[in-house]
Amino acid sequence: AVRARFKISESHWHEFFNICLRRTLTQMICDVRRKYRTDSEQ
């Protein structure tokens, strides 16, 4: 739906999606690590 609305090409879409996904995963991992670190320090 989003791809059709913005008329993004297939390769561009995959590239964009992968970057977003990787960034989100990295952010989540960082957040989990940070939470785990603070929990273990208390």
Foldseek 3Di string as FASTA:
>chain_A
DVCVVVVDDPVRVVVVVVVVVVVVVVVVVVVVVVVVVVVVVD
